[in-house]
mmCIF file of all heavy atoms, coordinates in Angstrom:
data_MODEL
# 
_entry.id   MODEL 
# 
loop_
_atom_site.group_PDB 
_atom_site.id 
_atom_site.type_symbol 
_atom_site.label_atom_id 
_atom_site.label_alt_id 
_atom_site.label_comp_id 
_atom_site.label_asym_id 
_atom_site.label_entity_id 
_atom_site.label_seq_id 
_atom_site.pdbx_PDB_ins_code 
_atom_site.Cartn_x 
_atom_site.Cartn_y 
_atom_site.Cartn_z 
_atom_site.occupancy 
_atom_site.B_iso_or_equiv 
_atom_site.pdbx_formal_charge 
_atom_site.auth_seq_id 
_atom_site.auth_comp_id 
_atom_site.auth_asym_id 
_atom_site.auth_atom_id 
_atom_site.pdbx_PDB_model_num 
ATOM 1   N N   . ASP A 1 1  ? 112.611 111.473 106.896 1.00 0.00 ? 1  ASP A N   1 
ATOM 2   C CA  . ASP A 1 1  ? 111.537 110.719 106.259 1.00 0.00 ? 1  ASP A CA  1 
ATOM 3   C C   . ASP A 1 1  ? 110.310 111.586 106.080 1.00 0.00 ? 1  ASP A C   1 
ATOM 4   O O   . ASP A 1 1  ? 110.140 112.576 106.841 1.00 0.00 ? 1  ASP A O   1 
ATOM 5   C CB  . ASP A 1 1  ? 111.176 109.511 107.095 1.00 0.00 ? 1  ASP A CB  1 
ATOM 6   C CG  . ASP A 1 1  ? 110.341 108.481 106.301 1.00 0.00 ? 1  ASP A CG  1 
ATOM 7   O OD1 . ASP A 1 1  ? 110.287 108.570 105.047 1.00 0.00 ? 1  ASP A OD1 1 
ATOM 8   O OD2 . ASP A 1 1  ? 109.730 107.592 106.933 1.00 0.00 ? 1  ASP A OD2 1 
ATOM 9   N N   . ILE A 1 2  ? 109.462 111.229 105.128 1.00 0.00 ? 2  ILE A N   1 
ATOM 10  C CA  . ILE A 1 2  ? 108.165 111.877 104.951 1.00 0.00 ? 2  ILE A CA  1 
ATOM 11  C C   . ILE A 1 2  ? 107.197 110.741 104.797 1.00 0.00 ? 2  ILE A C   1 
ATOM 12  O O   . ILE A 1 2  ? 107.406 109.843 103.996 1.00 0.00 ? 2  ILE A O   1 
ATOM 13  C CB  . ILE A 1 2  ? 108.156 112.771 103.668 1.00 0.00 ? 2  ILE A CB  1 
ATOM 14  C CG1 . ILE A 1 2  ? 109.181 113.889 103.771 1.00 0.00 ? 2  ILE A CG1 1 
ATOM 15  C CG2 . ILE A 1 2  ? 106.776 113.335 103.457 1.00 0.00 ? 2  ILE A CG2 1 
ATOM 16  C CD1 . ILE A 1 2  ? 109.316 114.787 102.544 1.00 0.00 ? 2  ILE A CD1 1 
ATOM 17  N N   . GLU A 1 3  ? 106.138 110.798 105.633 1.00 0.00 ? 3  GLU A N   1 
ATOM 18  C CA  . GLU A 1 3  ? 105.230 109.675 105.676 1.00 0.00 ? 3  GLU A CA  1 
ATOM 19  C C   . GLU A 1 3  ? 103.789 110.161 105.692 1.00 0.00 ? 3  GLU A C   1 
ATOM 20  O O   . GLU A 1 3  ? 103.506 111.222 106.202 1.00 0.00 ? 3  GLU A O   1 
ATOM 21  C CB  . GLU A 1 3  ? 105.504 108.805 106.908 1.00 0.00 ? 3  GLU A CB  1 
ATOM 22  C CG  . GLU A 1 3  ? 105.357 109.611 108.196 1.00 0.00 ? 3  GLU A CG  1 
ATOM 23  C CD  . GLU A 1 3  ? 105.926 108.939 109.430 1.00 0.00 ? 3  GLU A CD  1 
ATOM 24  O OE1 . GLU A 1 3  ? 106.591 107.876 109.254 1.00 0.00 ? 3  GLU A OE1 1 
ATOM 25  O OE2 . GLU A 1 3  ? 105.723 109.437 110.502 1.00 0.00 ? 3  GLU A OE2 1 
ATOM 26  N N   . LEU A 1 4  ? 102.881 109.326 105.166 1.00 0.00 ? 4  LEU A N   1 
ATOM 27  C CA  . LEU A 1 4  ? 101.429 109.590 105.268 1.00 0.00 ? 4  LEU A CA  1 
ATOM 28  C C   . LEU A 1 4  ? 101.028 109.255 106.686 1.00 0.00 ? 4  LEU A C   1 
ATOM 29  O O   . LEU A 1 4  ? 101.177 108.133 107.160 1.00 0.00 ? 4  LEU A O   1 
ATOM 30  C CB  . LEU A 1 4  ? 100.689 108.748 104.244 1.00 0.00 ? 4  LEU A CB  1 
ATOM 31  C CG  . LEU A 1 4  ? 99.148  108.929 104.205 1.00 0.00 ? 4  LEU A CG  1 
ATOM 32  C CD1 . LEU A 1 4  ? 98.783  110.348 103.848 1.00 0.00 ? 4  LEU A CD1 1 
ATOM 33  C CD2 . LEU A 1 4  ? 98.544  107.938 103.234 1.00 0.00 ? 4  LEU A CD2 1 
ATOM 34  N N   . VAL A 1 5  ? 100.421 110.215 107.408 1.00 0.00 ? 5  VAL A N   1 
ATOM 35  C CA  . VAL A 1 5  ? 100.003 110.027 108.771 1.00 0.00 ? 5  VAL A CA  1 
ATOM 36  C C   . VAL A 1 5  ? 98.521  109.651 108.842 1.00 0.00 ? 5  VAL A C   1 
ATOM 37  O O   . VAL A 1 5  ? 98.160  108.775 109.619 1.00 0.00 ? 5  VAL A O   1 
ATOM 38  C CB  . VAL A 1 5  ? 100.261 111.308 109.603 1.00 0.00 ? 5  VAL A CB  1 
ATOM 39  C CG1 . VAL A 1 5  ? 99.714  111.207 111.004 1.00 0.00 ? 5  VAL A CG1 1 
ATOM 40  C CG2 . VAL A 1 5  ? 101.758 111.628 109.616 1.00 0.00 ? 5  VAL A CG2 1 
ATOM 41  N N   . ALA A 1 6  ? 97.737  110.310 107.978 1.00 0.00 ? 6  ALA A N   1 
ATOM 42  C CA  . ALA A 1 6  ? 96.302  109.996 108.025 1.00 0.00 ? 6  ALA A CA  1 
ATOM 43  C C   . ALA A 1 6  ? 95.698  110.383 106.653 1.00 0.00 ? 6  ALA A C   1 
ATOM 44  O O   . ALA A 1 6  ? 96.195  111.271 105.972 1.00 0.00 ? 6  ALA A O   1 
ATOM 45  C CB  . ALA A 1 6  ? 95.573  110.786 109.102 1.00 0.00 ? 6  ALA A CB  1 
ATOM 46  N N   . SER A 1 7  ? 94.557  109.719 106.302 1.00 0.00 ? 7  SER A N   1 
ATOM 47  C CA  . SER A 1 7  ? 93.827  110.055 105.094 1.00 0.00 ? 7  SER A CA  1 
ATOM 48  C C   . SER A 1 7  ? 92.378  109.619 105.219 1.00 0.00 ? 7  SER A C   1 
ATOM 49  O O   . SER A 1 7  ? 92.102  108.635 105.916 1.00 0.00 ? 7  SER A O   1 
ATOM 50  C CB  . SER A 1 7  ? 94.455  109.417 103.875 1.00 0.00 ? 7  SER A CB  1 
ATOM 51  O OG  . SER A 1 7  ? 94.360  108.034 103.906 1.00 0.00 ? 7  SER A OG  1 
ATOM 52  N N   . LYS A 1 8  ? 91.483  110.364 104.616 1.00 0.00 ? 8  LYS A N   1 
ATOM 53  C CA  . LYS A 1 8  ? 90.081  109.957 104.593 1.00 0.00 ? 8  LYS A CA  1 
ATOM 54  C C   . LYS A 1 8  ? 89.377  110.631 103.448 1.00 0.00 ? 8  LYS A C   1 
ATOM 55  O O   . LYS A 1 8  ? 89.746  111.749 103.053 1.00 0.00 ? 8  LYS A O   1 
ATOM 56  C CB  . LYS A 1 8  ? 89.391  110.317 105.940 1.00 0.00 ? 8  LYS A CB  1 
ATOM 57  C CG  . LYS A 1 8  ? 89.195  111.807 106.201 1.00 0.00 ? 8  LYS A CG  1 
ATOM 58  C CD  . LYS A 1 8  ? 88.392  112.049 107.419 1.00 0.00 ? 8  LYS A CD  1 
ATOM 59  C CE  . LYS A 1 8  ? 88.102  113.546 107.567 1.00 0.00 ? 8  LYS A CE  1 
ATOM 60  N NZ  . LYS A 1 8  ? 87.139  113.836 108.562 1.00 0.00 ? 8  LYS A NZ  1 
ATOM 61  N N   . SER A 1 9  ? 88.381  109.944 102.899 1.00 0.00 ? 9  SER A N   1 
ATOM 62  C CA  . SER A 1 9  ? 87.575  110.523 101.841 1.00 0.00 ? 9  SER A CA  1 
ATOM 63  C C   . SER A 1 9  ? 86.736  111.632 102.424 1.00 0.00 ? 9  SER A C   1 
ATOM 64  O O   . SER A 1 9  ? 86.287  111.539 103.544 1.00 0.00 ? 9  SER A O   1 
ATOM 65  C CB  . SER A 1 9  ? 86.694  109.442 101.233 1.00 0.00 ? 9  SER A CB  1 
ATOM 66  O OG  . SER A 1 9  ? 87.500  108.498 100.567 1.00 0.00 ? 9  SER A OG  1 
ATOM 67  N N   . ASP A 1 10 ? 86.510  112.661 101.598 1.00 0.00 ? 10 ASP A N   1 
ATOM 68  C CA  . ASP A 1 10 ? 85.780  113.810 102.093 1.00 0.00 ? 10 ASP A CA  1 
ATOM 69  C C   . ASP A 1 10 ? 85.131  114.483 100.851 1.00 0.00 ? 10 ASP A C   1 
ATOM 70  O O   . ASP A 1 10 ? 85.325  114.038 99.732  1.00 0.00 ? 10 ASP A O   1 
ATOM 71  C CB  . ASP A 1 10 ? 86.758  114.780 102.790 1.00 0.00 ? 10 ASP A CB  1 
ATOM 72  C CG  . ASP A 1 10 ? 86.096  115.665 103.809 1.00 0.00 ? 10 ASP A CG  1 
ATOM 73  O OD1 . ASP A 1 10 ? 84.860  115.748 103.846 1.00 0.00 ? 10 ASP A OD1 1 
ATOM 74  O OD2 . ASP A 1 10 ? 86.825  116.288 104.602 1.00 0.00 ? 10 ASP A OD2 1 
ATOM 75  N N   . LYS A 1 11 ? 84.362  115.545 101.107 1.00 0.00 ? 11 LYS A N   1 
ATOM 76  C CA  . LYS A 1 11 ? 83.835  116.356 100.024 1.00 0.00 ? 11 LYS A CA  1 
ATOM 77  C C   . LYS A 1 11 ? 84.154  117.802 100.253 1.00 0.00 ? 11 LYS A C   1 
ATOM 78  O O   . LYS A 1 11 ? 84.171  118.284 101.354 1.00 0.00 ? 11 LYS A O   1 
ATOM 79  C CB  . LYS A 1 11 ? 82.282  116.214 99.965  1.00 0.00 ? 11 LYS A CB  1 
ATOM 80  C CG  . LYS A 1 11 ? 81.815  114.925 99.351  1.00 0.00 ? 11 LYS A CG  1 
ATOM 81  C CD  . LYS A 1 11 ? 80.346  115.038 98.937  1.00 0.00 ? 11 LYS A CD  1 
ATOM 82  C CE  . LYS A 1 11 ? 79.991  113.767 98.241  1.00 0.00 ? 11 LYS A CE  1 
ATOM 83  N NZ  . LYS A 1 11 ? 78.823  113.880 97.470  1.00 0.00 ? 11 LYS A NZ  1 
ATOM 84  N N   . ALA A 1 12 ? 84.523  118.476 99.169  1.00 0.00 ? 12 ALA A N   1 
ATOM 85  C CA  . ALA A 1 12 ? 84.868  119.881 99.236  1.00 0.00 ? 12 ALA A CA  1 
ATOM 86  C C   . ALA A 1 12 ? 84.142  120.550 98.049  1.00 0.00 ? 12 ALA A C   1 
ATOM 87  O O   . ALA A 1 12 ? 84.401  120.197 96.897  1.00 0.00 ? 12 ALA A O   1 
ATOM 88  C CB  . ALA A 1 12 ? 86.311  120.129 99.145  1.00 0.00 ? 12 ALA A CB  1 
ATOM 89  N N   . GLU A 1 13 ? 83.231  121.452 98.330  1.00 0.00 ? 13 GLU A N   1 
ATOM 90  C CA  . GLU A 1 13 ? 82.435  122.137 97.284  1.00 0.00 ? 13 GLU A CA  1 
ATOM 91  C C   . GLU A 1 13 ? 81.798  121.122 96.329  1.00 0.00 ? 13 GLU A C   1 
ATOM 92  O O   . GLU A 1 13 ? 81.793  121.313 95.130  1.00 0.00 ? 13 GLU A O   1 
ATOM 93  C CB  . GLU A 1 13 ? 83.310  123.156 96.558  1.00 0.00 ? 13 GLU A CB  1 
ATOM 94  C CG  . GLU A 1 13 ? 83.760  124.241 97.472  1.00 0.00 ? 13 GLU A CG  1 
ATOM 95  C CD  . GLU A 1 13 ? 84.530  125.351 96.756  1.00 0.00 ? 13 GLU A CD  1 
ATOM 96  O OE1 . GLU A 1 13 ? 84.317  125.538 95.545  1.00 0.00 ? 13 GLU A OE1 1 
ATOM 97  O OE2 . GLU A 1 13 ? 85.298  126.033 97.393  1.00 0.00 ? 13 GLU A OE2 1 
ATOM 98  N N   . GLY A 1 14 ? 81.263  120.028 96.900  1.00 0.00 ? 14 GLY A N   1 
ATOM 99  C CA  . GLY A 1 14 ? 80.555  119.069 96.088  1.00 0.00 ? 14 GLY A CA  1 
ATOM 100 C C   . GLY A 1 14 ? 81.450  118.058 95.388  1.00 0.00 ? 14 GLY A C   1 
ATOM 101 O O   . GLY A 1 14 ? 80.933  117.171 94.681  1.00 0.00 ? 14 GLY A O   1 
ATOM 102 N N   . GLN A 1 15 ? 82.753  118.192 95.512  1.00 0.00 ? 15 GLN A N   1 
ATOM 103 C CA  . GLN A 1 15 ? 83.683  117.264 94.817  1.00 0.00 ? 15 GLN A CA  1 
ATOM 104 C C   . GLN A 1 15 ? 84.210  116.210 95.789  1.00 0.00 ? 15 GLN A C   1 
ATOM 105 O O   . GLN A 1 15 ? 84.502  116.532 96.918  1.00 0.00 ? 15 GLN A O   1 
ATOM 106 C CB  . GLN A 1 15 ? 84.901  118.071 94.249  1.00 0.00 ? 15 GLN A CB  1 
ATOM 107 C CG  . GLN A 1 15 ? 84.521  119.107 93.266  1.00 0.00 ? 15 GLN A CG  1 
ATOM 108 C CD  . GLN A 1 15 ? 84.266  118.560 91.878  1.00 0.00 ? 15 GLN A CD  1 
ATOM 109 O OE1 . GLN A 1 15 ? 84.556  117.358 91.622  1.00 0.00 ? 15 GLN A OE1 1 
ATOM 110 N NE2 . GLN A 1 15 ? 83.692  119.349 91.011  1.00 0.00 ? 15 GLN A NE2 1 
ATOM 111 N N   . GLU A 1 16 ? 84.400  115.006 95.287  1.00 0.00 ? 16 GLU A N   1 
ATOM 112 C CA  . GLU A 1 16 ? 85.036  113.935 96.072  1.00 0.00 ? 16 GLU A CA  1 
ATOM 113 C C   . GLU A 1 16 ? 86.528  114.270 96.186  1.00 0.00 ? 16 GLU A C   1 
ATOM 114 O O   . GLU A 1 16 ? 87.166  114.490 95.179  1.00 0.00 ? 16 GLU A O   1 
ATOM 115 C CB  . GLU A 1 16 ? 84.861  112.593 95.429  1.00 0.00 ? 16 GLU A CB  1 
ATOM 116 C CG  . GLU A 1 16 ? 83.403  112.069 95.422  1.00 0.00 ? 16 GLU A CG  1 
ATOM 117 C CD  . GLU A 1 16 ? 82.950  111.658 96.832  1.00 0.00 ? 16 GLU A CD  1 
ATOM 118 O OE1 . GLU A 1 16 ? 83.768  111.110 97.587  1.00 0.00 ? 16 GLU A OE1 1 
ATOM 119 O OE2 . GLU A 1 16 ? 81.753  111.889 97.086  1.00 0.00 ? 16 GLU A OE2 1 
ATOM 120 N N   . VAL A 1 17 ? 87.048  114.282 97.427  1.00 0.00 ? 17 VAL A N   1 
ATOM 121 C CA  . VAL A 1 17 ? 88.493  114.577 97.647  1.00 0.00 ? 17 VAL A CA  1 
ATOM 122 C C   . VAL A 1 17 ? 89.015  113.613 98.693  1.00 0.00 ? 17 VAL A C   1 
ATOM 123 O O   . VAL A 1 17 ? 88.289  112.964 99.405  1.00 0.00 ? 17 VAL A O   1 
ATOM 124 C CB  . VAL A 1 17 ? 88.704  116.044 98.085  1.00 0.00 ? 17 VAL A CB  1 
ATOM 125 C CG1 . VAL A 1 17 ? 88.288  117.019 97.018  1.00 0.00 ? 17 VAL A CG1 1 
ATOM 126 C CG2 . VAL A 1 17 ? 87.969  116.342 99.378  1.00 0.00 ? 17 VAL A CG2 1 
ATOM 127 N N   . MET A 1 18 ? 90.319  113.605 98.784  1.00 0.00 ? 18 MET A N   1 
ATOM 128 C CA  . MET A 1 18 ? 91.035  112.866 99.804  1.00 0.00 ? 18 MET A CA  1 
ATOM 129 C C   . MET A 1 18 ? 91.655  113.849 100.758 1.00 0.00 ? 18 MET A C   1 
ATOM 130 O O   . MET A 1 18 ? 92.498  114.656 100.338 1.00 0.00 ? 18 MET A O   1 
ATOM 131 C CB  . MET A 1 18 ? 92.099  111.948 99.213  1.00 0.00 ? 18 MET A CB  1 
ATOM 132 C CG  . MET A 1 18 ? 92.902  111.164 100.192 1.00 0.00 ? 18 MET A CG  1 
ATOM 133 S SD  . MET A 1 18 ? 91.981  109.908 101.119 1.00 0.00 ? 18 MET A SD  1 
ATOM 134 C CE  . MET A 1 18 ? 91.505  108.812 99.814  1.00 0.00 ? 18 MET A CE  1 
ATOM 135 N N   . ASN A 1 19 ? 91.233  113.879 101.990 1.00 0.00 ? 19 ASN A N   1 
ATOM 136 C CA  . ASN A 1 19 ? 91.820  114.739 103.034 1.00 0.00 ? 19 ASN A CA  1 
ATOM 137 C C   . ASN A 1 19 ? 92.988  114.017 103.580 1.00 0.00 ? 19 ASN A C   1 
ATOM 138 O O   . ASN A 1 19 ? 92.876  112.834 103.968 1.00 0.00 ? 19 ASN A O   1 
ATOM 139 C CB  . ASN A 1 19 ? 90.759  115.051 104.099 1.00 0.00 ? 19 ASN A CB  1 
ATOM 140 C CG  . ASN A 1 19 ? 91.174  116.022 105.119 1.00 0.00 ? 19 ASN A CG  1 
ATOM 141 O OD1 . ASN A 1 19 ? 92.374  116.306 105.304 1.00 0.00 ? 19 ASN A OD1 1 
ATOM 142 N ND2 . ASN A 1 19 ? 90.241  116.567 105.852 1.00 0.00 ? 19 ASN A ND2 1 
ATOM 143 N N   . PHE A 1 20 ? 94.194  114.610 103.613 1.00 0.00 ? 20 PHE A N   1 
ATOM 144 C CA  . PHE A 1 20 ? 95.371  113.889 104.044 1.00 0.00 ? 20 PHE A CA  1 
ATOM 145 C C   . PHE A 1 20 ? 96.199  114.711 105.021 1.00 0.00 ? 20 PHE A C   1 
ATOM 146 O O   . PHE A 1 20 ? 96.112  115.941 105.052 1.00 0.00 ? 20 PHE A O   1 
ATOM 147 C CB  . PHE A 1 20 ? 96.211  113.428 102.885 1.00 0.00 ? 20 PHE A CB  1 
ATOM 148 C CG  . PHE A 1 20 ? 96.860  114.557 102.082 1.00 0.00 ? 20 PHE A CG  1 
ATOM 149 C CD1 . PHE A 1 20 ? 98.140  115.022 102.470 1.00 0.00 ? 20 PHE A CD1 1 
ATOM 150 C CD2 . PHE A 1 20 ? 96.217  115.123 101.000 1.00 0.00 ? 20 PHE A CD2 1 
ATOM 151 C CE1 . PHE A 1 20 ? 98.690  116.045 101.782 1.00 0.00 ? 20 PHE A CE1 1 
ATOM 152 C CE2 . PHE A 1 20 ? 96.817  116.150 100.297 1.00 0.00 ? 20 PHE A CE2 1 
ATOM 153 C CZ  . PHE A 1 20 ? 98.070  116.619 100.668 1.00 0.00 ? 20 PHE A CZ  1 
ATOM 154 N N   . LYS A 1 21 ? 97.027  113.987 105.768 1.00 0.00 ? 21 LYS A N   1 
ATOM 155 C CA  . LYS A 1 21 ? 98.052  114.662 106.626 1.00 0.00 ? 21 LYS A CA  1 
ATOM 156 C C   . LYS A 1 21 ? 99.324  113.855 106.415 1.00 0.00 ? 21 LYS A C   1 
ATOM 157 O O   . LYS A 1 21 ? 99.357  112.624 106.476 1.00 0.00 ? 21 LYS A O   1 
ATOM 158 C CB  . LYS A 1 21 ? 97.629  114.573 108.099 1.00 0.00 ? 21 LYS A CB  1 
ATOM 159 C CG  . LYS A 1 21 ? 98.649  115.205 109.065 1.00 0.00 ? 21 LYS A CG  1 
ATOM 160 C CD  . LYS A 1 21 ? 98.300  115.049 110.511 1.00 0.00 ? 21 LYS A CD  1 
ATOM 161 C CE  . LYS A 1 21 ? 97.107  115.911 110.824 1.00 0.00 ? 21 LYS A CE  1 
ATOM 162 N NZ  . LYS A 1 21 ? 96.837  115.966 112.273 1.00 0.00 ? 21 LYS A NZ  1 
ATOM 163 N N   . ILE A 1 22 ? 100.391 114.563 106.163 1.00 0.00 ? 22 ILE A N   1 
ATOM 164 C CA  . ILE A 1 22 ? 101.719 113.948 106.045 1.00 0.00 ? 22 ILE A CA  1 
ATOM 165 C C   . ILE A 1 22 ? 102.641 114.481 107.147 1.00 0.00 ? 22 ILE A C   1 
ATOM 166 O O   . ILE A 1 22 ? 102.469 115.631 107.563 1.00 0.00 ? 22 ILE A O   1 
ATOM 167 C CB  . ILE A 1 22 ? 102.377 114.045 104.686 1.00 0.00 ? 22 ILE A CB  1 
ATOM 168 C CG1 . ILE A 1 22 ? 102.571 115.525 104.257 1.00 0.00 ? 22 ILE A CG1 1 
ATOM 169 C CG2 . ILE A 1 22 ? 101.549 113.326 103.621 1.00 0.00 ? 22 ILE A CG2 1 
ATOM 170 C CD1 . ILE A 1 22 ? 103.300 115.654 102.950 1.00 0.00 ? 22 ILE A CD1 1 
ATOM 171 N N   . GLY A 1 23 ? 103.546 113.675 107.582 1.00 0.00 ? 23 GLY A N   1 
ATOM 172 C CA  . GLY A 1 23 ? 104.515 114.060 108.612 1.00 0.00 ? 23 GLY A CA  1 
ATOM 173 C C   . GLY A 1 23 ? 105.889 114.013 108.029 1.00 0.00 ? 23 GLY A C   1 
ATOM 174 O O   . GLY A 1 23 ? 106.311 113.023 107.479 1.00 0.00 ? 23 GLY A O   1 
ATOM 175 N N   . CYS A 1 24 ? 106.620 115.136 108.174 1.00 0.00 ? 24 CYS A N   1 
ATOM 176 C CA  . CYS A 1 24 ? 108.013 115.206 107.708 1.00 0.00 ? 24 CYS A CA  1 
ATOM 177 C C   . CYS A 1 24 ? 108.876 115.176 108.972 1.00 0.00 ? 24 CYS A C   1 
ATOM 178 O O   . CYS A 1 24 ? 108.894 116.146 109.744 1.00 0.00 ? 24 CYS A O   1 
ATOM 179 C CB  . CYS A 1 24 ? 108.225 116.531 106.946 1.00 0.00 ? 24 CYS A CB  1 
ATOM 180 S SG  . CYS A 1 24 ? 107.063 116.775 105.564 1.00 0.00 ? 24 CYS A SG  1 
# 
């Protein structure tokens, strides 16, 4: 299985991004 473990909104170089971690 591959699953989303965590996610949170963040900023990288002034851009809105989604920081994520997946577990395989």
